[in-house]
Amino acid sequence: MKISARNQLSGTVKSVNEGAAIANVEVDVNGQRLVASITVEAARELGLKEGAAVTAIVKASDVMLATD
């Protein structure tokens, strides 16, 4: 699959915590913890399980930065 997004982070699924509608997927990206909130349906369709290799794609318009 090809995608135009440039903000791509390869990692490994550490856990998938399913709620009623949303699954929080914890991903290890080179020692950094990233959590993606996706629908339970999407998590199941993707077959996300601990140890799975994934690519996190970040929509740049939704990233915020802060300083003290």
PDB file of N, CA and C in Angstrom:
ATOM      1  N   MET A   1       0.838  -1.179   0.000  1.00  0.00           N
ATOM      2  CA  MET A   1       0.000   0.000   0.000  1.00  0.00           C
ATOM      3  C   MET A   1       0.883   1.242   0.000  1.00  0.00           C
ATOM      4  N   LYS A   2       0.575   2.196  -0.832  1.00  0.00           N
ATOM      5  CA  LYS A   2       1.265   3.483  -0.844  1.00  0.00           C
ATOM      6  C   LYS A   2       0.340   4.529  -0.249  1.00  0.00           C
ATOM      7  N   ILE A   3       0.936   5.497   0.456  1.00  0.00           N
ATOM      8  CA  ILE A   3       0.152   6.562   1.080  1.00  0.00           C
ATOM      9  C   ILE A   3       0.952   7.849   0.994  1.00  0.00           C
ATOM     10  N   SER A   4       0.267   8.972   0.850  1.00  0.00           N
ATOM     11  CA  SER A   4       0.947  10.251   0.676  1.00  0.00           C
ATOM     12  C   SER A   4       1.473  10.836   1.985  1.00  0.00           C
ATOM     13  N   ALA A   5       0.945  10.407   3.116  1.00  0.00           N
ATOM     14  CA  ALA A   5       1.363  10.962   4.401  1.00  0.00           C
ATOM     15  C   ALA A   5       2.847  10.728   4.639  1.00  0.00           C
ATOM     16  N   ARG A   6       3.532  11.748   5.120  1.00  0.00           N
ATOM     17  CA  ARG A   6       4.969  11.655   5.356  1.00  0.00           C
ATOM     18  C   ARG A   6       5.310  11.374   6.814  1.00  0.00           C
ATOM     19  N   ASN A   7       4.368  11.589   7.710  1.00  0.00           N
ATOM     20  CA  ASN A   7       4.613  11.396   9.137  1.00  0.00           C
ATOM     21  C   ASN A   7       4.263   9.961   9.522  1.00  0.00           C
ATOM     22  N   GLN A   8       5.177   9.042   9.217  1.00  0.00           N
ATOM     23  CA  GLN A   8       4.958   7.627   9.453  1.00  0.00           C
ATOM     24  C   GLN A   8       5.989   7.107  10.451  1.00  0.00           C
ATOM     25  N   LEU A   9       5.507   6.381  11.459  1.00  0.00           N
ATOM     26  CA  LEU A   9       6.365   5.843  12.503  1.00  0.00           C
ATOM     27  C   LEU A   9       6.157   4.335  12.592  1.00  0.00           C
ATOM     28  N   SER A  10       7.199   3.570  12.355  1.00  0.00           N
ATOM     29  CA  SER A  10       7.111   2.114  12.446  1.00  0.00           C
ATOM     30  C   SER A  10       7.291   1.684  13.892  1.00  0.00           C
ATOM     31  N   GLY A  11       6.487   0.707  14.313  1.00  0.00           N
ATOM     32  CA  GLY A  11       6.582   0.247  15.683  1.00  0.00           C
ATOM     33  C   GLY A  11       5.972  -1.125  15.876  1.00  0.00           C
ATOM     34  N   THR A  12       5.867  -1.512  17.143  1.00  0.00           N
ATOM     35  CA  THR A  12       5.334  -2.815  17.529  1.00  0.00           C
ATOM     36  C   THR A  12       4.208  -2.628  18.526  1.00  0.00           C
ATOM     37  N   VAL A  13       3.101  -3.318  18.321  1.00  0.00           N
ATOM     38  CA  VAL A  13       1.966  -3.237  19.240  1.00  0.00           C
ATOM     39  C   VAL A  13       2.359  -3.846  20.579  1.00  0.00           C
ATOM     40  N   LYS A  14       2.167  -3.076  21.647  1.00  0.00           N
ATOM     41  CA  LYS A  14       2.441  -3.559  23.002  1.00  0.00           C
ATOM     42  C   LYS A  14       1.160  -4.048  23.669  1.00  0.00           C
ATOM     43  N   SER A  15       0.033  -3.382  23.388  1.00  0.00           N
ATOM     44  CA  SER A  15      -1.234  -3.813  23.969  1.00  0.00           C
ATOM     45  C   SER A  15      -2.389  -3.220  23.183  1.00  0.00           C
ATOM     46  N   VAL A  16      -3.534  -3.898  23.282  1.00  0.00           N
ATOM     47  CA  VAL A  16      -4.783  -3.413  22.692  1.00  0.00           C
ATOM     48  C   VAL A  16      -5.837  -3.506  23.789  1.00  0.00           C
ATOM     49  N   ASN A  17      -6.350  -2.359  24.218  1.00  0.00           N
ATOM     50  CA  ASN A  17      -7.364  -2.311  25.265  1.00  0.00           C
ATOM     51  C   ASN A  17      -8.688  -1.869  24.660  1.00  0.00           C
ATOM     52  N   GLU A  18      -9.613  -2.819  24.522  1.00  0.00           N
ATOM     53  CA  GLU A  18     -10.903  -2.542  23.899  1.00  0.00           C
ATOM     54  C   GLU A  18     -11.917  -2.053  24.913  1.00  0.00           C
ATOM     55  N   GLY A  19     -12.599  -0.959  24.550  1.00  0.00           N
ATOM     56  CA  GLY A  19     -13.736  -0.480  25.319  1.00  0.00           C
ATOM     57  C   GLY A  19     -15.000  -0.861  24.562  1.00  0.00           C
ATOM     58  N   ALA A  20     -16.102  -0.173  24.839  1.00  0.00           N
ATOM     59  CA  ALA A  20     -17.362  -0.466  24.161  1.00  0.00           C
ATOM     60  C   ALA A  20     -17.272  -0.156  22.667  1.00  0.00           C
ATOM     61  N   ALA A  21     -16.626   0.944  22.319  1.00  0.00           N
ATOM     62  CA  ALA A  21     -16.545   1.355  20.914  1.00  0.00           C
ATOM     63  C   ALA A  21     -15.129   1.694  20.463  1.00  0.00           C
ATOM     64  N   ILE A  22     -14.274   2.079  21.411  1.00  0.00           N
ATOM     65  CA  ILE A  22     -12.922   2.540  21.076  1.00  0.00           C
ATOM     66  C   ILE A  22     -11.884   1.590  21.648  1.00  0.00           C
ATOM     67  N   ALA A  23     -10.845   1.330  20.859  1.00  0.00           N
ATOM     68  CA  ALA A  23      -9.706   0.539  21.315  1.00  0.00           C
ATOM     69  C   ALA A  23      -8.499   1.454  21.410  1.00  0.00           C
ATOM     70  N   ASN A  24      -7.810   1.410  22.533  1.00  0.00           N
ATOM     71  CA  ASN A  24      -6.557   2.135  22.693  1.00  0.00           C
ATOM     72  C   ASN A  24      -5.428   1.164  22.393  1.00  0.00           C
ATOM     73  N   VAL A  25      -4.664   1.477  21.368  1.00  0.00           N
ATOM     74  CA  VAL A  25      -3.584   0.611  20.910  1.00  0.00           C
ATOM     75  C   VAL A  25      -2.260   1.255  21.302  1.00  0.00           C
ATOM     76  N   GLU A  26      -1.526   0.606  22.189  1.00  0.00           N
ATOM     77  CA  GLU A  26      -0.225   1.110  22.625  1.00  0.00           C
ATOM     78  C   GLU A  26       0.841   0.540  21.705  1.00  0.00           C
ATOM     79  N   VAL A  27       1.672   1.444  21.170  1.00  0.00           N
ATOM     80  CA  VAL A  27       2.704   1.058  20.212  1.00  0.00           C
ATOM     81  C   VAL A  27       4.065   1.511  20.732  1.00  0.00           C
ATOM     82  N   ASP A  28       5.049   0.647  20.618  1.00  0.00           N
ATOM     83  CA  ASP A  28       6.434   0.992  20.954  1.00  0.00           C
ATOM     84  C   ASP A  28       7.120   1.419  19.667  1.00  0.00           C
ATOM     85  N   VAL A  29       7.530   2.689  19.633  1.00  0.00           N
ATOM     86  CA  VAL A  29       8.243   3.232  18.476  1.00  0.00           C
ATOM     87  C   VAL A  29       9.662   3.570  18.940  1.00  0.00           C
ATOM     88  N   ASN A  30      10.587   2.653  18.719  1.00  0.00           N
ATOM     89  CA  ASN A  30      11.978   2.850  19.133  1.00  0.00           C
ATOM     90  C   ASN A  30      12.096   3.285  20.585  1.00  0.00           C
ATOM     91  N   GLY A  31      11.359   2.610  21.475  1.00  0.00           N
ATOM     92  CA  GLY A  31      11.438   2.924  22.897  1.00  0.00           C
ATOM     93  C   GLY A  31      10.496   4.011  23.360  1.00  0.00           C
ATOM     94  N   GLN A  32       9.808   4.656  22.453  1.00  0.00           N
ATOM     95  CA  GLN A  32       8.840   5.689  22.801  1.00  0.00           C
ATOM     96  C   GLN A  32       7.434   5.108  22.750  1.00  0.00           C
ATOM     97  N   ARG A  33       6.602   5.484  23.718  1.00  0.00           N
ATOM     98  CA  ARG A  33       5.228   4.992  23.794  1.00  0.00           C
ATOM     99  C   ARG A  33       4.302   5.908  23.002  1.00  0.00           C
ATOM    100  N   LEU A  34       3.525   5.312  22.123  1.00  0.00           N
ATOM    101  CA  LEU A  34       2.539   6.046  21.331  1.00  0.00           C
ATOM    102  C   LEU A  34       1.216   5.310  21.512  1.00  0.00           C
ATOM    103  N   VAL A  35       0.132   6.037  21.750  1.00  0.00           N
ATOM    104  CA  VAL A  35      -1.181   5.406  21.894  1.00  0.00           C
ATOM    105  C   VAL A  35      -2.110   5.955  20.829  1.00  0.00           C
ATOM    106  N   ALA A  36      -2.709   5.058  20.069  1.00  0.00           N
ATOM    107  CA  ALA A  36      -3.681   5.426  19.044  1.00  0.00           C
ATOM    108  C   ALA A  36      -5.056   4.968  19.500  1.00  0.00           C
ATOM    109  N   SER A  37      -6.041   5.853  19.426  1.00  0.00           N
ATOM    110  CA  SER A  37      -7.422   5.507  19.741  1.00  0.00           C
ATOM    111  C   SER A  37      -8.160   5.302  18.428  1.00  0.00           C
ATOM    112  N   ILE A  38      -8.580   4.062  18.189  1.00  0.00           N
ATOM    113  CA  ILE A  38      -9.284   3.724  16.955  1.00  0.00           C
ATOM    114  C   ILE A  38     -10.533   2.930  17.324  1.00  0.00           C
ATOM    115  N   THR A  39     -11.419   2.730  16.382  1.00  0.00           N
ATOM    116  CA  THR A  39     -12.615   1.961  16.692  1.00  0.00           C
ATOM    117  C   THR A  39     -12.249   0.505  16.946  1.00  0.00           C
ATOM    118  N   VAL A  40     -13.047  -0.143  17.778  1.00  0.00           N
ATOM    119  CA  VAL A  40     -12.855  -1.564  18.048  1.00  0.00           C
ATOM    120  C   VAL A  40     -12.981  -2.339  16.741  1.00  0.00           C
ATOM    121  N   GLU A  41     -13.927  -1.950  15.917  1.00  0.00           N
ATOM    122  CA  GLU A  41     -14.120  -2.611  14.624  1.00  0.00           C
ATOM    123  C   GLU A  41     -12.849  -2.553  13.779  1.00  0.00           C
ATOM    124  N   ALA A  42     -12.203  -1.384  13.725  1.00  0.00           N
ATOM    125  CA  ALA A  42     -10.974  -1.233  12.941  1.00  0.00           C
ATOM    126  C   ALA A  42      -9.852  -2.081  13.526  1.00  0.00           C
ATOM    127  N   ALA A  43      -9.721  -2.095  14.855  1.00  0.00           N
ATOM    128  CA  ALA A  43      -8.670  -2.889  15.496  1.00  0.00           C
ATOM    129  C   ALA A  43      -8.840  -4.366  15.168  1.00  0.00           C
ATOM    130  N   ARG A  44     -10.084  -4.821  15.181  1.00  0.00           N
ATOM    131  CA  ARG A  44     -10.340  -6.232  14.872  1.00  0.00           C
ATOM    132  C   ARG A  44     -10.098  -6.531  13.399  1.00  0.00           C
ATOM    133  N   GLU A  45     -10.531  -5.615  12.519  1.00  0.00           N
ATOM    134  CA  GLU A  45     -10.321  -5.816  11.076  1.00  0.00           C
ATOM    135  C   GLU A  45      -8.832  -5.878  10.740  1.00  0.00           C
ATOM    136  N   LEU A  46      -8.022  -5.069  11.441  1.00  0.00           N
ATOM    137  CA  LEU A  46      -6.576  -5.056  11.214  1.00  0.00           C
ATOM    138  C   LEU A  46      -5.874  -6.230  11.893  1.00  0.00           C
ATOM    139  N   GLY A  47      -6.591  -6.939  12.756  1.00  0.00           N
ATOM    140  CA  GLY A  47      -6.000  -8.073  13.461  1.00  0.00           C
ATOM    141  C   GLY A  47      -4.911  -7.652  14.427  1.00  0.00           C
ATOM    142  N   LEU A  48      -5.085  -6.496  15.059  1.00  0.00           N
ATOM    143  CA  LEU A  48      -4.048  -5.972  15.946  1.00  0.00           C
ATOM    144  C   LEU A  48      -3.932  -6.806  17.204  1.00  0.00           C
ATOM    145  N   LYS A  49      -2.716  -7.256  17.467  1.00  0.00           N
ATOM    146  CA  LYS A  49      -2.414  -8.065  18.647  1.00  0.00           C
ATOM    147  C   LYS A  49      -1.008  -7.704  19.123  1.00  0.00           C
ATOM    148  N   GLU A  50      -0.721  -7.998  20.374  1.00  0.00           N
ATOM    149  CA  GLU A  50       0.600  -7.740  20.934  1.00  0.00           C
ATOM    150  C   GLU A  50       1.672  -8.380  20.060  1.00  0.00           C
ATOM    151  N   GLY A  51       2.701  -7.596  19.738  1.00  0.00           N
ATOM    152  CA  GLY A  51       3.814  -8.077  18.929  1.00  0.00           C
ATOM    153  C   GLY A  51       3.684  -7.793  17.447  1.00  0.00           C
ATOM    154  N   ALA A  52       2.506  -7.346  17.021  1.00  0.00           N
ATOM    155  CA  ALA A  52       2.300  -7.068  15.597  1.00  0.00           C
ATOM    156  C   ALA A  52       3.080  -5.825  15.164  1.00  0.00           C
ATOM    157  N   ALA A  53       3.663  -5.888  13.985  1.00  0.00           N
ATOM    158  CA  ALA A  53       4.340  -4.725  13.405  1.00  0.00           C
ATOM    159  C   ALA A  53       3.284  -3.816  12.785  1.00  0.00           C
ATOM    160  N   VAL A  54       3.370  -2.520  13.091  1.00  0.00           N
ATOM    161  CA  VAL A  54       2.415  -1.546  12.561  1.00  0.00           C
ATOM    162  C   VAL A  54       3.148  -0.278  12.153  1.00  0.00           C
ATOM    163  N   THR A  55       2.485   0.528  11.362  1.00  0.00           N
ATOM    164  CA  THR A  55       2.971   1.858  11.034  1.00  0.00           C
ATOM    165  C   THR A  55       1.935   2.858  11.512  1.00  0.00           C
ATOM    166  N   ALA A  56       2.348   3.768  12.394  1.00  0.00           N
ATOM    167  CA  ALA A  56       1.468   4.835  12.865  1.00  0.00           C
ATOM    168  C   ALA A  56       1.611   5.998  11.897  1.00  0.00           C
ATOM    169  N   ILE A  57       0.500   6.484  11.410  1.00  0.00           N
ATOM    170  CA  ILE A  57       0.505   7.598  10.473  1.00  0.00           C
ATOM    171  C   ILE A  57      -0.146   8.785  11.175  1.00  0.00           C
ATOM    172  N   VAL A  58       0.613   9.857  11.333  1.00  0.00           N
ATOM    173  CA  VAL A  58       0.159  11.026  12.086  1.00  0.00           C
ATOM    174  C   VAL A  58      -0.301  12.106  11.120  1.00  0.00           C
ATOM    175  N   LYS A  59      -1.532  12.549  11.312  1.00  0.00           N
ATOM    176  CA  LYS A  59      -2.069  13.648  10.511  1.00  0.00           C
ATOM    177  C   LYS A  59      -1.509  14.945  11.091  1.00  0.00           C
ATOM    178  N   ALA A  60      -0.631  15.579  10.365  1.00  0.00           N
ATOM    179  CA  ALA A  60       0.111  16.739  10.878  1.00  0.00           C
ATOM    180  C   ALA A  60      -0.794  17.857  11.380  1.00  0.00           C
ATOM    181  N   SER A  61      -1.951  18.046  10.810  1.00  0.00           N
ATOM    182  CA  SER A  61      -2.825  19.134  11.246  1.00  0.00           C
ATOM    183  C   SER A  61      -3.384  18.890  12.641  1.00  0.00           C
ATOM    184  N   ASP A  62      -3.240  17.691  13.191  1.00  0.00           N
ATOM    185  CA  ASP A  62      -3.751  17.378  14.515  1.00  0.00           C
ATOM    186  C   ASP A  62      -2.672  17.282  15.584  1.00  0.00           C
ATOM    187  N   VAL A  63      -1.440  17.619  15.256  1.00  0.00           N
ATOM    188  CA  VAL A  63      -0.357  17.544  16.234  1.00  0.00           C
ATOM    189  C   VAL A  63      -0.192  18.900  16.890  1.00  0.00           C
ATOM    190  N   MET A  64      -0.163  18.901  18.237  1.00  0.00           N
ATOM    191  CA  MET A  64       0.050  20.153  18.980  1.00  0.00           C
ATOM    192  C   MET A  64       1.305  20.014  19.813  1.00  0.00           C
ATOM    193  N   LEU A  65       2.035  21.109  19.974  1.00  0.00           N
ATOM    194  CA  LEU A  65       3.236  21.144  20.794  1.00  0.00           C
ATOM    195  C   LEU A  65       3.060  22.203  21.879  1.00  0.00           C
ATOM    196  N   ALA A  66       3.698  22.002  23.021  1.00  0.00           N
ATOM    197  CA  ALA A  66       3.619  22.974  24.108  1.00  0.00           C
ATOM    198  C   ALA A  66       4.971  23.100  24.791  1.00  0.00           C
ATOM    199  N   THR A  67       5.212  24.231  25.380  1.00  0.00           N
ATOM    200  CA  THR A  67       6.415  24.439  26.191  1.00  0.00           C
ATOM    201  C   THR A  67       5.991  25.039  27.516  1.00  0.00           C
ATOM    202  N   ASP A  68       6.899  24.978  28.501  1.00  0.00           N
ATOM    203  CA  ASP A  68       6.589  25.556  29.830  1.00  0.00           C
ATOM    204  C   ASP A  68       6.586  27.060  29.749  1.00  0.00           C
TER     205      ASP A  68
END
